[in-house]
Amino acid sequence: MAHPKRRQSKQRSAKRRTHYKAELPTLAVCSNCGATHIYHTVCGECGYYRGKLAIEKFATV
């Protein structure tokens, strides 16, 4: 029977044992503009986060 030449890392063993299923991030509806964005992030459309202006968006000319 064959013997391993090197020890397998804990990370490599754990990766083999997992049954990980990728999930989509949870989406929230912006209270300011109504667009959907990822939870705990600033809205990409208007720049608001939890009802307050976080990033000022400039209009393109």
C-alpha atoms as a PDB file:
ATOM      1  CA  MET A   1       0.000   0.000   0.000  1.00  0.00           C
ATOM      2  CA  ALA A   2       1.294   3.457  -0.914  1.00  0.00           C
ATOM      3  CA  HIS A   3       2.344   5.956   1.754  1.00  0.00           C
ATOM      4  CA  PRO A   4       2.149   9.739   1.329  1.00  0.00           C
ATOM      5  CA  LYS A   5       5.500  11.481   0.999  1.00  0.00           C
ATOM      6  CA  ARG A   6       4.221  14.764   2.449  1.00  0.00           C
ATOM      7  CA  ARG A   7       1.635  15.585   5.067  1.00  0.00           C
ATOM      8  CA  GLN A   8      -1.602  17.092   3.779  1.00  0.00           C
ATOM      9  CA  SER A   9      -2.447  20.491   5.240  1.00  0.00           C
ATOM     10  CA  LYS A  10      -5.526  20.971   7.427  1.00  0.00           C
ATOM     11  CA  GLN A  11      -6.943  23.348   4.825  1.00  0.00           C
ATOM     12  CA  ARG A  12      -6.638  20.807   2.030  1.00  0.00           C
ATOM     13  CA  SER A  13      -8.303  18.091   4.120  1.00  0.00           C
ATOM     14  CA  ALA A  14     -11.107  20.436   5.143  1.00  0.00           C
ATOM     15  CA  LYS A  15     -11.734  21.464   1.520  1.00  0.00           C
ATOM     16  CA  ARG A  16     -12.193  17.831   0.557  1.00  0.00           C
ATOM     17  CA  ARG A  17     -14.626  17.188   3.393  1.00  0.00           C
ATOM     18  CA  THR A  18     -16.883  20.194   2.870  1.00  0.00           C
ATOM     19  CA  HIS A  19     -20.112  20.131   0.951  1.00  0.00           C
ATOM     20  CA  TYR A  20     -20.070  23.855   0.278  1.00  0.00           C
ATOM     21  CA  LYS A  21     -22.771  25.301  -1.915  1.00  0.00           C
ATOM     22  CA  ALA A  22     -22.295  28.881  -3.097  1.00  0.00           C
ATOM     23  CA  GLU A  23     -25.246  31.127  -2.287  1.00  0.00           C
ATOM     24  CA  LEU A  24     -26.303  34.434  -3.767  1.00  0.00           C
ATOM     25  CA  PRO A  25     -25.840  37.456  -1.491  1.00  0.00           C
ATOM     26  CA  THR A  26     -28.921  38.758   0.305  1.00  0.00           C
ATOM     27  CA  LEU A  27     -30.404  41.772  -1.425  1.00  0.00           C
ATOM     28  CA  ALA A  28     -32.118  44.760   0.161  1.00  0.00           C
ATOM     29  CA  VAL A  29     -34.350  47.485  -1.270  1.00  0.00           C
ATOM     30  CA  CYS A  30     -33.028  51.036  -0.981  1.00  0.00           C
ATOM     31  CA  SER A  31     -35.305  53.219   1.152  1.00  0.00           C
ATOM     32  CA  ASN A  32     -34.357  56.309  -0.878  1.00  0.00           C
ATOM     33  CA  CYS A  33     -34.624  55.251  -4.531  1.00  0.00           C
ATOM     34  CA  GLY A  34     -36.111  51.741  -4.389  1.00  0.00           C
ATOM     35  CA  ALA A  35     -33.231  50.022  -6.200  1.00  0.00           C
ATOM     36  CA  THR A  36     -31.898  46.679  -4.959  1.00  0.00           C
ATOM     37  CA  HIS A  37     -28.425  46.470  -3.417  1.00  0.00           C
ATOM     38  CA  ILE A  38     -26.426  44.025  -1.291  1.00  0.00           C
ATOM     39  CA  TYR A  39     -27.078  44.172   2.472  1.00  0.00           C
ATOM     40  CA  HIS A  40     -24.693  46.342   4.516  1.00  0.00           C
ATOM     41  CA  THR A  41     -23.450  48.221   1.453  1.00  0.00           C
ATOM     42  CA  VAL A  42     -24.096  51.651  -0.008  1.00  0.00           C
ATOM     43  CA  CYS A  43     -26.714  51.826  -2.772  1.00  0.00           C
ATOM     44  CA  GLY A  44     -24.973  52.054  -6.125  1.00  0.00           C
ATOM     45  CA  GLU A  45     -27.753  54.111  -7.681  1.00  0.00           C
ATOM     46  CA  CYS A  46     -28.137  56.987  -5.223  1.00  0.00           C
ATOM     47  CA  GLY A  47     -25.269  56.610  -2.715  1.00  0.00           C
ATOM     48  CA  TYR A  48     -27.480  56.310   0.385  1.00  0.00           C
ATOM     49  CA  TYR A  49     -26.937  53.856   3.259  1.00  0.00           C
ATOM     50  CA  ARG A  50     -29.580  53.342   5.966  1.00  0.00           C
ATOM     51  CA  GLY A  51     -31.400  56.549   5.024  1.00  0.00           C
ATOM     52  CA  LYS A  52     -28.321  58.791   5.083  1.00  0.00           C
ATOM     53  CA  LEU A  53     -26.171  60.088   2.245  1.00  0.00           C
ATOM     54  CA  ALA A  54     -22.905  58.117   2.314  1.00  0.00           C
ATOM     55  CA  ILE A  55     -21.417  58.843  -1.118  1.00  0.00           C
ATOM     56  CA  GLU A  56     -22.296  61.905  -3.152  1.00  0.00           C
ATOM     57  CA  LYS A  57     -23.124  60.877  -6.713  1.00  0.00           C
ATOM     58  CA  PHE A  58     -22.378  63.378  -9.490  1.00  0.00           C
ATOM     59  CA  ALA A  59     -24.603  63.728 -12.524  1.00  0.00           C
ATOM     60  CA  THR A  60     -22.868  63.004 -15.821  1.00  0.00           C
ATOM     61  CA  VAL A  61     -23.046  65.838 -18.326  1.00  0.00           C
END
